[in-house]
C-alpha atoms as a PDB file:
ATOM      1  CA  MET A   1      27.808  19.147  -3.389  1.00  0.00           C
ATOM      2  CA  LYS A   2      27.382  19.157   1.104  1.00  0.00           C
ATOM      3  CA  PRO A   3      29.505  16.960   3.528  1.00  0.00           C
ATOM      4  CA  ILE A   4      28.110  13.864   4.329  1.00  0.00           C
ATOM      5  CA  LYS A   5      27.088  14.358   8.140  1.00  0.00           C
ATOM      6  CA  PRO A   6      29.107  13.067  10.626  1.00  0.00           C
ATOM      7  CA  HIS A   7      28.284   9.661  12.340  1.00  0.00           C
ATOM      8  CA  LEU A   8      26.631  10.264  15.775  1.00  0.00           C
ATOM      9  CA  THR A   9      26.492   8.119  19.006  1.00  0.00           C
ATOM     10  CA  TYR A  10      22.970   7.823  20.016  1.00  0.00           C
ATOM     11  CA  ALA A  11      23.754   9.936  23.076  1.00  0.00           C
ATOM     12  CA  GLN A  12      25.278  12.765  20.497  1.00  0.00           C
ATOM     13  CA  GLN A  13      21.866  12.042  18.275  1.00  0.00           C
ATOM     14  CA  VAL A  14      20.089  12.966  21.627  1.00  0.00           C
ATOM     15  CA  ASP A  15      21.578  15.741  22.269  1.00  0.00           C
ATOM     16  CA  LEU A  16      21.149  17.313  18.274  1.00  0.00           C
ATOM     17  CA  LEU A  17      17.039  16.808  19.609  1.00  0.00           C
ATOM     18  CA  GLU A  18      17.435  18.623  22.750  1.00  0.00           C
ATOM     19  CA  ARG A  19      19.608  21.052  20.714  1.00  0.00           C
ATOM     20  CA  ARG A  20      16.244  21.434  17.961  1.00  0.00           C
ATOM     21  CA  GLY A  21      13.951  22.232  20.707  1.00  0.00           C
ATOM     22  CA  LEU A  22      12.438  18.637  21.324  1.00  0.00           C
ATOM     23  CA  VAL A  23      11.914  18.158  25.416  1.00  0.00           C
ATOM     24  CA  VAL A  24      13.540  14.890  26.232  1.00  0.00           C
ATOM     25  CA  ALA A  25      12.669  14.038  29.940  1.00  0.00           C
ATOM     26  CA  ASP A  26      14.342  10.546  30.016  1.00  0.00           C
ATOM     27  CA  ARG A  27      17.423  10.407  28.254  1.00  0.00           C
ATOM     28  CA  ASP A  28      18.391   6.879  29.076  1.00  0.00           C
ATOM     29  CA  ALA A  29      14.760   5.616  27.535  1.00  0.00           C
ATOM     30  CA  ALA A  30      15.460   8.196  24.892  1.00  0.00           C
ATOM     31  CA  VAL A  31      18.924   6.748  23.909  1.00  0.00           C
ATOM     32  CA  ASP A  32      17.484   3.286  24.089  1.00  0.00           C
ATOM     33  CA  ALA A  33      14.592   4.390  21.662  1.00  0.00           C
ATOM     34  CA  LEU A  34      17.239   5.686  19.554  1.00  0.00           C
ATOM     35  CA  ARG A  35      19.246   2.474  19.625  1.00  0.00           C
ATOM     36  CA  ARG A  36      15.817   0.324  18.949  1.00  0.00           C
ATOM     37  CA  VAL A  37      14.246   2.932  15.860  1.00  0.00           C
ATOM     38  CA  GLY A  38      17.179   4.457  14.094  1.00  0.00           C
ATOM     39  CA  TYR A  39      17.768   8.161  14.484  1.00  0.00           C
ATOM     40  CA  TYR A  40      16.741   8.729  10.877  1.00  0.00           C
ATOM     41  CA  ARG A  41      14.124   6.943  11.257  1.00  0.00           C
ATOM     42  CA  PHE A  42      13.087   8.376  14.064  1.00  0.00           C
ATOM     43  CA  SER A  43      13.249  12.201  12.738  1.00  0.00           C
ATOM     44  CA  ALA A  44      10.927  11.303  10.617  1.00  0.00           C
ATOM     45  CA  TYR A  45       8.346  11.379  13.114  1.00  0.00           C
ATOM     46  CA  THR A  46       9.490  15.078  14.391  1.00  0.00           C
ATOM     47  CA  TYR A  47       8.663  16.336  10.654  1.00  0.00           C
ATOM     48  CA  VAL A  48       5.059  17.999  12.183  1.00  0.00           C
ATOM     49  CA  PHE A  49       6.598  19.578  15.207  1.00  0.00           C
ATOM     50  CA  ARG A  50       8.824  21.344  12.454  1.00  0.00           C
ATOM     51  CA  PRO A  51       6.909  25.216  11.715  1.00  0.00           C
ATOM     52  CA  ILE A  52       7.539  25.953   7.860  1.00  0.00           C
ATOM     53  CA  GLN A  53       9.108  29.100   7.267  1.00  0.00           C
ATOM     54  CA  ALA A  54       7.563  31.808   6.120  1.00  0.00           C
ATOM     55  CA  SER A  55      10.832  34.045   4.049  1.00  0.00           C
ATOM     56  CA  GLY A  56      11.389  32.372   0.938  1.00  0.00           C
ATOM     57  CA  ARG A  57      10.873  29.269  -0.660  1.00  0.00           C
ATOM     58  CA  PRO A  58       8.376  27.556   2.081  1.00  0.00           C
ATOM     59  CA  ARG A  59      10.131  24.974   3.844  1.00  0.00           C
ATOM     60  CA  ARG A  60      10.228  22.840   7.058  1.00  0.00           C
ATOM     61  CA  SER A  61      12.320  24.836  10.042  1.00  0.00           C
ATOM     62  CA  ASP A  62      15.176  22.300  11.506  1.00  0.00           C
ATOM     63  CA  CYS A  63      13.774  24.061  14.873  1.00  0.00           C
ATOM     64  CA  LEU A  64      10.594  22.423  16.492  1.00  0.00           C
ATOM     65  CA  VAL A  65       7.729  23.902  18.129  1.00  0.00           C
ATOM     66  CA  ASP A  66       7.936  25.460  21.495  1.00  0.00           C
ATOM     67  CA  GLY A  67       6.436  22.225  24.041  1.00  0.00           C
ATOM     68  CA  ALA A  68       7.353  19.183  21.448  1.00  0.00           C
ATOM     69  CA  THR A  69       8.336  16.263  23.169  1.00  0.00           C
ATOM     70  CA  PHE A  70      10.354  13.198  22.223  1.00  0.00           C
ATOM     71  CA  ALA A  71       7.608  11.017  24.074  1.00  0.00           C
ATOM     72  CA  ASP A  72       5.059  12.755  21.178  1.00  0.00           C
ATOM     73  CA  ALA A  73       7.461  11.829  18.228  1.00  0.00           C
ATOM     74  CA  LEU A  74       7.766   8.462  19.887  1.00  0.00           C
ATOM     75  CA  SER A  75       3.713   7.973  20.529  1.00  0.00           C
ATOM     76  CA  LEU A  76       3.614   8.891  16.372  1.00  0.00           C
ATOM     77  CA  HIS A  77       6.199   6.112  15.536  1.00  0.00           C
ATOM     78  CA  ASP A  78       4.645   3.640  17.848  1.00  0.00           C
ATOM     79  CA  PHE A  79       0.907   3.976  16.599  1.00  0.00           C
ATOM     80  CA  ASP A  80       2.398   3.838  12.730  1.00  0.00           C
ATOM     81  CA  ASP A  81       3.718   0.119  13.880  1.00  0.00           C
ATOM     82  CA  ARG A  82      -0.299  -0.220  14.640  1.00  0.00           C
ATOM     83  CA  LEU A  83      -1.476   1.136  11.286  1.00  0.00           C
ATOM     84  CA  ARG A  84       0.770  -0.965   9.818  1.00  0.00           C
ATOM     85  CA  VAL A  85      -0.175  -4.170  10.787  1.00  0.00           C
ATOM     86  CA  VAL A  86      -3.566  -4.078  10.047  1.00  0.00           C
ATOM     87  CA  LEU A  87      -3.131  -1.799   6.841  1.00  0.00           C
ATOM     88  CA  LEU A  88      -0.759  -5.255   5.612  1.00  0.00           C
ATOM     89  CA  ALA A  89      -3.269  -7.993   6.768  1.00  0.00           C
ATOM     90  CA  GLY A  90      -6.240  -6.131   4.937  1.00  0.00           C
ATOM     91  CA  LEU A  91      -3.482  -5.704   1.933  1.00  0.00           C
ATOM     92  CA  GLN A  92      -2.742  -9.772   2.193  1.00  0.00           C
ATOM     93  CA  GLN A  93      -6.385 -11.254   2.327  1.00  0.00           C
ATOM     94  CA  LEU A  94      -7.227  -8.769  -0.661  1.00  0.00           C
ATOM     95  CA  GLU A  95      -4.000 -10.513  -2.590  1.00  0.00           C
ATOM     96  CA  VAL A  96      -5.095 -13.598  -2.111  1.00  0.00           C
ATOM     97  CA  ALA A  97      -8.583 -13.186  -2.857  1.00  0.00           C
ATOM     98  CA  LEU A  98      -7.068 -11.258  -6.124  1.00  0.00           C
ATOM     99  CA  ARG A  99      -5.325 -14.483  -6.594  1.00  0.00           C
ATOM    100  CA  THR A 100      -8.182 -16.133  -6.385  1.00  0.00           C
ATOM    101  CA  GLN A 101     -10.382 -14.603  -9.361  1.00  0.00           C
ATOM    102  CA  VAL A 102      -7.713 -14.112 -11.763  1.00  0.00           C
ATOM    103  CA  GLY A 103      -6.758 -17.446 -11.565  1.00  0.00           C
ATOM    104  CA  HIS A 104     -10.426 -18.565 -11.936  1.00  0.00           C
ATOM    105  CA  GLU A 105     -11.468 -16.703 -14.089  1.00  0.00           C
ATOM    106  CA  LEU A 106      -8.850 -16.837 -15.973  1.00  0.00           C
ATOM    107  CA  GLY A 107      -8.793 -20.576 -16.165  1.00  0.00           C
ATOM    108  CA  ARG A 108     -12.344 -20.840 -16.959  1.00  0.00           C
ATOM    109  CA  ARG A 109     -10.885 -19.474 -20.353  1.00  0.00           C
ATOM    110  CA  ASN A 110      -7.843 -22.068 -21.045  1.00  0.00           C
ATOM    111  CA  PRO A 111      -5.839 -23.339 -18.138  1.00  0.00           C
ATOM    112  CA  LEU A 112      -2.792 -22.080 -19.440  1.00  0.00           C
ATOM    113  CA  ALA A 113      -3.619 -18.859 -20.435  1.00  0.00           C
ATOM    114  CA  HIS A 114      -1.530 -16.815 -19.076  1.00  0.00           C
ATOM    115  CA  LEU A 115       1.714 -18.683 -20.921  1.00  0.00           C
ATOM    116  CA  ASP A 116      -0.075 -17.759 -24.736  1.00  0.00           C
ATOM    117  CA  PRO A 117      -1.055 -14.249 -24.865  1.00  0.00           C
ATOM    118  CA  THR A 118      -3.337 -15.114 -27.786  1.00  0.00           C
ATOM    119  CA  HIS A 119      -5.731 -16.020 -24.357  1.00  0.00           C
ATOM    120  CA  LEU A 120      -5.265 -12.205 -23.014  1.00  0.00           C
ATOM    121  CA  ASP A 121      -5.865  -9.670 -24.490  1.00  0.00           C
ATOM    122  CA  PRO A 122      -3.997  -8.883 -27.692  1.00  0.00           C
ATOM    123  CA  ARG A 123      -4.120  -4.993 -27.905  1.00  0.00           C
ATOM    124  CA  ARG A 124      -2.957  -4.476 -24.297  1.00  0.00           C
ATOM    125  CA  CYS A 125      -0.334  -7.213 -24.614  1.00  0.00           C
ATOM    126  CA  ALA A 126       1.221  -5.439 -27.381  1.00  0.00           C
ATOM    127  CA  THR A 127       1.411  -1.868 -26.004  1.00  0.00           C
ATOM    128  CA  ALA A 128       5.249  -0.605 -24.435  1.00  0.00           C
ATOM    129  CA  ALA A 129       6.427  -2.085 -21.241  1.00  0.00           C
ATOM    130  CA  ASP A 130       6.505   0.424 -19.080  1.00  0.00           C
ATOM    131  CA  ARG A 131       9.726  -0.684 -18.157  1.00  0.00           C
ATOM    132  CA  PRO A 132      11.099  -2.707 -20.637  1.00  0.00           C
ATOM    133  CA  ARG A 133      13.869  -5.072 -20.499  1.00  0.00           C
ATOM    134  CA  THR A 134      14.817  -4.801 -24.178  1.00  0.00           C
ATOM    135  CA  PRO A 135      13.923  -2.386 -27.000  1.00  0.00           C
ATOM    136  CA  GLU A 136      11.697  -4.610 -28.367  1.00  0.00           C
ATOM    137  CA  SER A 137       9.730  -5.979 -25.311  1.00  0.00           C
ATOM    138  CA  ASN A 138       5.743  -5.100 -25.170  1.00  0.00           C
ATOM    139  CA  ALA A 139       3.684  -5.257 -22.115  1.00  0.00           C
ATOM    140  CA  TYR A 140       3.408  -9.205 -22.210  1.00  0.00           C
ATOM    141  CA  ASP A 141       6.623  -9.938 -22.977  1.00  0.00           C
ATOM    142  CA  ASP A 142       7.927  -7.776 -20.293  1.00  0.00           C
ATOM    143  CA  TRP A 143       5.433  -9.275 -17.738  1.00  0.00           C
ATOM    144  CA  ARG A 144       6.229 -12.956 -18.658  1.00  0.00           C
ATOM    145  CA  GLU A 145       9.537 -12.125 -18.487  1.00  0.00           C
ATOM    146  CA  ARG A 146       9.137 -10.899 -14.401  1.00  0.00           C
ATOM    147  CA  PHE A 147       6.953 -14.169 -13.672  1.00  0.00           C
ATOM    148  CA  ASP A 148       9.702 -16.815 -15.654  1.00  0.00           C
ATOM    149  CA  ASP A 149      11.954 -15.288 -12.995  1.00  0.00           C
ATOM    150  CA  LEU A 150       9.833 -16.150 -10.059  1.00  0.00           C
ATOM    151  CA  VAL A 151       8.397 -19.428 -11.447  1.00  0.00           C
ATOM    152  CA  HIS A 152      12.461 -19.682 -11.291  1.00  0.00           C
ATOM    153  CA  GLU A 153      12.765 -18.225  -7.658  1.00  0.00           C
ATOM    154  CA  ALA A 154      10.495 -20.749  -6.122  1.00  0.00           C
ATOM    155  CA  ARG A 155      11.930 -23.665  -8.512  1.00  0.00           C
ATOM    156  CA  ASN A 156      12.600 -25.145  -4.712  1.00  0.00           C
ATOM    157  CA  GLU A 157       9.416 -24.643  -3.623  1.00  0.00           C
ATOM    158  CA  GLU A 158       7.510 -28.802  -3.766  1.00  0.00           C
ATOM    159  CA  PHE A 159       4.522 -27.430  -5.935  1.00  0.00           C
ATOM    160  CA  VAL A 160       6.293 -25.633  -8.343  1.00  0.00           C
ATOM    161  CA  LYS A 161       9.077 -29.253  -8.055  1.00  0.00           C
ATOM    162  CA  HIS A 162       5.836 -30.824  -9.168  1.00  0.00           C
ATOM    163  CA  HIS A 163       5.232 -29.036 -12.102  1.00  0.00           C
ATOM    164  CA  LEU A 164       8.634 -29.353 -13.251  1.00  0.00           C
ATOM    165  CA  VAL A 165       8.941 -33.182 -13.086  1.00  0.00           C
ATOM    166  CA  HIS A 166       5.167 -34.214 -14.176  1.00  0.00           C
ATOM    167  CA  TYR A 167       4.246 -31.022 -16.539  1.00  0.00           C
ATOM    168  CA  ASP A 168       7.836 -29.747 -18.502  1.00  0.00           C
ATOM    169  CA  GLY A 169       7.499 -26.446 -15.822  1.00  0.00           C
ATOM    170  CA  GLN A 170       3.238 -25.813 -17.209  1.00  0.00           C
ATOM    171  CA  MET A 171       1.120 -24.342 -13.924  1.00  0.00           C
ATOM    172  CA  PRO A 172      -2.638 -23.640 -14.983  1.00  0.00           C
ATOM    173  CA  VAL A 173      -3.207 -20.316 -13.802  1.00  0.00           C
ATOM    174  CA  TRP A 174      -4.665 -20.758 -11.236  1.00  0.00           C
ATOM    175  CA  VAL A 175      -1.520 -22.608  -9.658  1.00  0.00           C
ATOM    176  CA  ALA A 176       0.441 -19.546 -11.277  1.00  0.00           C
ATOM    177  CA  VAL A 177      -1.236 -17.193  -8.871  1.00  0.00           C
ATOM    178  CA  GLU A 178       0.589 -18.224  -6.049  1.00  0.00           C
ATOM    179  CA  VAL A 179       4.256 -17.671  -7.312  1.00  0.00           C
ATOM    180  CA  MET A 180       3.012 -14.175  -8.733  1.00  0.00           C
ATOM    181  CA  THR A 181       4.323 -11.261  -6.271  1.00  0.00           C
ATOM    182  CA  PHE A 182       0.994  -8.804  -5.691  1.00  0.00           C
ATOM    183  CA  GLY A 183       2.559  -6.416  -8.834  1.00  0.00           C
ATOM    184  CA  THR A 184       2.747  -9.084 -10.959  1.00  0.00           C
ATOM    185  CA  LEU A 185      -0.479 -10.347 -10.029  1.00  0.00           C
ATOM    186  CA  ILE A 186      -1.612  -6.336 -11.141  1.00  0.00           C
ATOM    187  CA  ARG A 187      -0.234  -6.571 -14.167  1.00  0.00           C
ATOM    188  CA  LEU A 188      -1.409  -9.924 -15.439  1.00  0.00           C
ATOM    189  CA  TYR A 189      -5.007  -8.525 -14.578  1.00  0.00           C
ATOM    190  CA  SER A 190      -4.408  -6.198 -16.876  1.00  0.00           C
ATOM    191  CA  LEU A 191      -3.789  -7.776 -19.655  1.00  0.00           C
ATOM    192  CA  ILE A 192      -6.526 -10.786 -19.880  1.00  0.00           C
ATOM    193  CA  SER A 193      -8.846  -9.702 -21.895  1.00  0.00           C
ATOM    194  CA  THR A 194     -12.267  -8.006 -21.209  1.00  0.00           C
ATOM    195  CA  PRO A 195     -15.097 -10.226 -20.415  1.00  0.00           C
ATOM    196  CA  GLU A 196     -12.959 -11.981 -17.814  1.00  0.00           C
ATOM    197  CA  ALA A 197     -11.730  -8.568 -16.608  1.00  0.00           C
ATOM    198  CA  ARG A 198     -15.082  -7.056 -16.572  1.00  0.00           C
ATOM    199  CA  THR A 199     -15.909 -10.448 -13.840  1.00  0.00           C
ATOM    200  CA  VAL A 200     -13.476  -9.659 -12.065  1.00  0.00           C
ATOM    201  CA  ALA A 201     -14.171  -6.650 -11.298  1.00  0.00           C
ATOM    202  CA  ARG A 202     -17.589  -6.948 -10.596  1.00  0.00           C
ATOM    203  CA  CYS A 203     -16.906  -9.094  -7.697  1.00  0.00           C
ATOM    204  CA  PHE A 204     -15.117  -6.527  -6.150  1.00  0.00           C
ATOM    205  CA  PHE A 205     -17.910  -3.948  -6.679  1.00  0.00           C
ATOM    206  CA  ALA A 206     -15.690  -1.886  -9.532  1.00  0.00           C
ATOM    207  CA  TYR A 207     -17.334  -0.467 -12.320  1.00  0.00           C
ATOM    208  CA  ASN A 208     -14.663  -1.677 -14.894  1.00  0.00           C
ATOM    209  CA  ARG A 209     -10.831  -2.556 -15.276  1.00  0.00           C
ATOM    210  CA  ASP A 210      -9.894  -0.004 -15.463  1.00  0.00           C
ATOM    211  CA  LEU A 211     -11.238   1.526 -11.851  1.00  0.00           C
ATOM    212  CA  LEU A 212     -10.109  -1.493 -10.140  1.00  0.00           C
ATOM    213  CA  PHE A 213      -6.557  -1.392 -11.393  1.00  0.00           C
ATOM    214  CA  GLY A 214      -6.445   2.027 -11.163  1.00  0.00           C
ATOM    215  CA  TRP A 215      -7.264   1.097  -7.086  1.00  0.00           C
ATOM    216  CA  LEU A 216      -5.037  -1.912  -7.083  1.00  0.00           C
ATOM    217  CA  LYS A 217      -1.943  -0.275  -8.196  1.00  0.00           C
ATOM    218  CA  PRO A 218      -1.278   2.465  -5.258  1.00  0.00           C
ATOM    219  CA  LEU A 219      -2.430  -0.096  -3.208  1.00  0.00           C
ATOM    220  CA  ASN A 220      -0.098  -2.426  -4.282  1.00  0.00           C
ATOM    221  CA  THR A 221       3.150   0.178  -3.327  1.00  0.00           C
ATOM    222  CA  LEU A 222       0.887   0.738   0.249  1.00  0.00           C
ATOM    223  CA  ARG A 223       1.307  -3.056   0.672  1.00  0.00           C
ATOM    224  CA  ASN A 224       4.681  -2.716  -0.320  1.00  0.00           C
ATOM    225  CA  HIS A 225       5.620   0.128   2.168  1.00  0.00           C
ATOM    226  CA  CYS A 226       3.577  -1.971   4.663  1.00  0.00           C
ATOM    227  CA  ALA A 227       5.741  -5.310   4.426  1.00  0.00           C
ATOM    228  CA  HIS A 228       9.368  -3.149   3.932  1.00  0.00           C
ATOM    229  CA  ASN A 229       8.341  -1.019   7.717  1.00  0.00           C
ATOM    230  CA  GLY A 230       8.319   1.806   6.201  1.00  0.00           C
ATOM    231  CA  ARG A 231       6.366   5.158   7.374  1.00  0.00           C
ATOM    232  CA  ILE A 232       2.921   5.410   6.865  1.00  0.00           C
ATOM    233  CA  TRP A 233       0.895   7.292   9.000  1.00  0.00           C
ATOM    234  CA  ASN A 234       1.749  10.959   6.577  1.00  0.00           C
ATOM    235  CA  ARG A 235       2.996   9.298   3.771  1.00  0.00           C
ATOM    236  CA  ALA A 236       1.379  10.831   0.547  1.00  0.00           C
ATOM    237  CA  THR A 237       0.955   8.327  -1.977  1.00  0.00           C
ATOM    238  CA  VAL A 238       3.414   7.859  -4.864  1.00  0.00           C
ATOM    239  CA  TYR A 239       0.751   6.522  -7.778  1.00  0.00           C
ATOM    240  CA  PRO A 240      -2.767   8.255  -6.288  1.00  0.00           C
ATOM    241  CA  PRO A 241      -5.565   6.334  -7.535  1.00  0.00           C
ATOM    242  CA  LYS A 242      -8.019   8.811  -9.910  1.00  0.00           C
ATOM    243  CA  ARG A 243     -10.558  10.536  -8.259  1.00  0.00           C
ATOM    244  CA  GLY A 244     -13.841   8.973  -9.696  1.00  0.00           C
ATOM    245  CA  SER A 245     -16.834  10.461  -9.915  1.00  0.00           C
ATOM    246  CA  SER A 246     -20.189   9.420  -8.358  1.00  0.00           C
ATOM    247  CA  ARG A 247     -21.091   8.024 -11.528  1.00  0.00           C
ATOM    248  CA  VAL A 248     -18.416   5.107 -11.216  1.00  0.00           C
ATOM    249  CA  LEU A 249     -17.808   4.664  -7.693  1.00  0.00           C
ATOM    250  CA  PRO A 250     -19.930   2.464  -5.183  1.00  0.00           C
ATOM    251  CA  PRO A 251     -22.410   3.847  -3.540  1.00  0.00           C
ATOM    252  CA  ASP A 252     -19.820   3.261   0.099  1.00  0.00           C
ATOM    253  CA  LEU A 253     -17.216   4.975  -1.877  1.00  0.00           C
ATOM    254  CA  ALA A 254     -19.267   8.064  -2.788  1.00  0.00           C
ATOM    255  CA  HIS A 255     -17.627   9.992  -0.792  1.00  0.00           C
ATOM    256  CA  LEU A 256     -14.450   9.871  -1.812  1.00  0.00           C
ATOM    257  CA  ALA A 257     -15.406  11.768  -5.076  1.00  0.00           C
ATOM    258  CA  THR A 258     -14.512  15.113  -3.102  1.00  0.00           C
ATOM    259  CA  ALA A 259     -11.748  13.268  -1.187  1.00  0.00           C
ATOM    260  CA  ASP A 260      -7.638  14.179  -0.850  1.00  0.00           C
ATOM    261  CA  ASN A 261      -6.658  10.820  -3.072  1.00  0.00           C
ATOM    262  CA  HIS A 262      -2.824  11.792  -1.992  1.00  0.00           C
ATOM    263  CA  ARG A 263      -3.128  10.263   1.334  1.00  0.00           C
ATOM    264  CA  LEU A 264      -4.008   7.509   3.549  1.00  0.00           C
ATOM    265  CA  TYR A 265      -7.602   7.663   3.906  1.00  0.00           C
ATOM    266  CA  TYR A 266      -8.434   7.046   0.467  1.00  0.00           C
ATOM    267  CA  LEU A 267      -6.476   3.692  -0.019  1.00  0.00           C
ATOM    268  CA  ALA A 268      -7.743   2.636   3.829  1.00  0.00           C
ATOM    269  CA  ALA A 269     -11.894   3.286   2.215  1.00  0.00           C
ATOM    270  CA  LEU A 270     -10.628   1.069  -1.158  1.00  0.00           C
ATOM    271  CA  THR A 271      -9.432  -1.350   1.274  1.00  0.00           C
ATOM    272  CA  ALA A 272     -12.222  -1.404   2.599  1.00  0.00           C
ATOM    273  CA  HIS A 273     -14.593  -1.711   0.167  1.00  0.00           C
ATOM    274  CA  LEU A 274     -13.002  -4.188  -1.535  1.00  0.00           C
ATOM    275  CA  LEU A 275     -12.633  -6.590   1.263  1.00  0.00           C
ATOM    276  CA  ARG A 276     -15.979  -6.174   1.795  1.00  0.00           C
ATOM    277  CA  SER A 277     -17.088  -6.866  -1.651  1.00  0.00           C
ATOM    278  CA  ILE A 278     -15.405 -10.768  -1.250  1.00  0.00           C
ATOM    279  CA  ASP A 279     -16.443 -11.172   1.970  1.00  0.00           C
ATOM    280  CA  PRO A 280     -19.480  -8.937   3.709  1.00  0.00           C
ATOM    281  CA  ARG A 281     -18.495 -10.069   7.025  1.00  0.00           C
ATOM    282  CA  THR A 282     -15.354  -9.004   7.234  1.00  0.00           C
ATOM    283  CA  ARG A 283     -14.079  -7.519  10.587  1.00  0.00           C
ATOM    284  CA  TRP A 284     -11.242  -5.608   9.069  1.00  0.00           C
ATOM    285  CA  PRO A 285     -12.794  -2.495   8.925  1.00  0.00           C
ATOM    286  CA  GLN A 286     -13.647  -2.178  12.469  1.00  0.00           C
ATOM    287  CA  ARG A 287     -10.051  -3.631  13.425  1.00  0.00           C
ATOM    288  CA  PHE A 288      -9.164  -0.442  11.147  1.00  0.00           C
ATOM    289  CA  VAL A 289     -10.885   1.740  13.274  1.00  0.00           C
ATOM    290  CA  GLU A 290      -9.699   0.644  16.558  1.00  0.00           C
ATOM    291  CA  VAL A 291      -6.145   1.372  15.658  1.00  0.00           C
ATOM    292  CA  MET A 292      -7.303   4.651  14.571  1.00  0.00           C
ATOM    293  CA  LYS A 293      -9.001   5.703  17.918  1.00  0.00           C
ATOM    294  CA  ARG A 294      -5.733   5.325  19.437  1.00  0.00           C
ATOM    295  CA  PHE A 295      -3.776   7.635  17.434  1.00  0.00           C
ATOM    296  CA  PRO A 296      -1.692  10.317  19.257  1.00  0.00           C
ATOM    297  CA  ALA A 297      -3.451  13.208  20.613  1.00  0.00           C
ATOM    298  CA  THR A 298      -1.468  16.089  19.728  1.00  0.00           C
ATOM    299  CA  PRO A 299      -2.133  19.500  18.102  1.00  0.00           C
ATOM    300  CA  ALA A 300       0.677  19.544  15.661  1.00  0.00           C
ATOM    301  CA  ALA A 301      -0.819  16.108  14.060  1.00  0.00           C
ATOM    302  CA  THR A 302      -4.759  15.434  13.297  1.00  0.00           C
ATOM    303  CA  VAL A 303      -5.692  12.529  10.578  1.00  0.00           C
ATOM    304  CA  GLU A 304      -7.859  14.991   9.583  1.00  0.00           C
ATOM    305  CA  ARG A 305      -4.722  17.400   7.955  1.00  0.00           C
ATOM    306  CA  ASP A 306      -2.187  14.580   7.876  1.00  0.00           C
ATOM    307  CA  MET A 307      -3.807  11.810   6.357  1.00  0.00           C
ATOM    308  CA  GLY A 308      -7.061  12.764   5.002  1.00  0.00           C
ATOM    309  CA  PHE A 309      -9.858  12.045   6.662  1.00  0.00           C
ATOM    310  CA  PRO A 310     -13.572  13.033   6.837  1.00  0.00           C
ATOM    311  CA  SER A 311     -14.522  14.431  10.152  1.00  0.00           C
ATOM    312  CA  ASP A 312     -17.657  12.530   9.931  1.00  0.00           C
ATOM    313  CA  TRP A 313     -15.960   8.830   8.549  1.00  0.00           C
ATOM    314  CA  ARG A 314     -16.673   6.683  11.607  1.00  0.00           C
ATOM    315  CA  THR A 315     -20.382   7.472  10.913  1.00  0.00           C
ATOM    316  CA  LEU A 316     -20.311   6.023   7.394  1.00  0.00           C
ATOM    317  CA  ASP A 317     -21.561   2.834   6.444  1.00  0.00           C
ATOM    318  CA  LEU A 318     -18.278   1.678   5.071  1.00  0.00           C
ATOM    319  CA  TRP A 319     -16.750   1.389   8.949  1.00  0.00           C
ATOM    320  CA  GLN A 320     -20.040   0.301  10.486  1.00  0.00           C
ATOM    321  CA  THR A 321     -20.198  -3.493  12.094  1.00  0.00           C
ATOM    322  CA  PRO A 322     -22.109  -5.950   9.640  1.00  0.00           C
ATOM    323  CA  LYS A 323     -24.894  -7.132  10.486  1.00  0.00           C
ATOM    324  CA  ARG A 324     -25.349 -11.208  11.442  1.00  0.00           C
END
């Protein structure tokens, strides 16, 4: 096992970056930036300036290409901040819309349908849980335990206390969705019966439940990375959505049939499509375009190579200003 790396002062961290080839024009400003951002976080934005070693197993060199500057890496970090803000804003809107649609459609079947799996899809509820809390628990049991935990955590919220006092803790599903995390909500959507699931999918211009769920799962992961200030701009997708064929993709997403589903553009396009489906006048796609226009100009990083953007993406209907 390798020894743990020694602790370095901020000034020593700048020295290390310089030894690795990073050009630092203003040491005091660099120290201030590392004090604000942290060396480990900052170093992730120098990764694209590290050449791939050809000999042996391909890996990135510890040394940087000639001409790479501290300012270049910091501009990537600051761009990532702006990117994270606009993505999170869109994903929050999507979460609220999904709460609304699931609560409305499931409530139509039964106000307490989420508390009784007979009102859901019995086959899906009975499948093995992804991460069972007990050996005997099925998918619904696992979801229900998580939901009950969330209700307990929210027990001091006024609307939760109201239902605890007056309704023995039972909340109709259109209220219960307000307690759920995005992930818990998505998991509930995967368990509801087919008629309701199909109606919700159509609200988001998705072919069926499986396609919509396949979109929502990676978007939830992206949402969590954004909410917890994770690096976004060139991060590979943890749970990439299946690349749909042109037969099942809506017209404004047809170009995704050949896109890299491991890269950010794929998820950004899904976000734009889903927001446009619930609000044809949404301005989110245009706000996203404005952020992307400020991507730092450096040969070491491009939106096409590092983020999976098609070269003509801005001309696609998906990103155009809505008609009034």
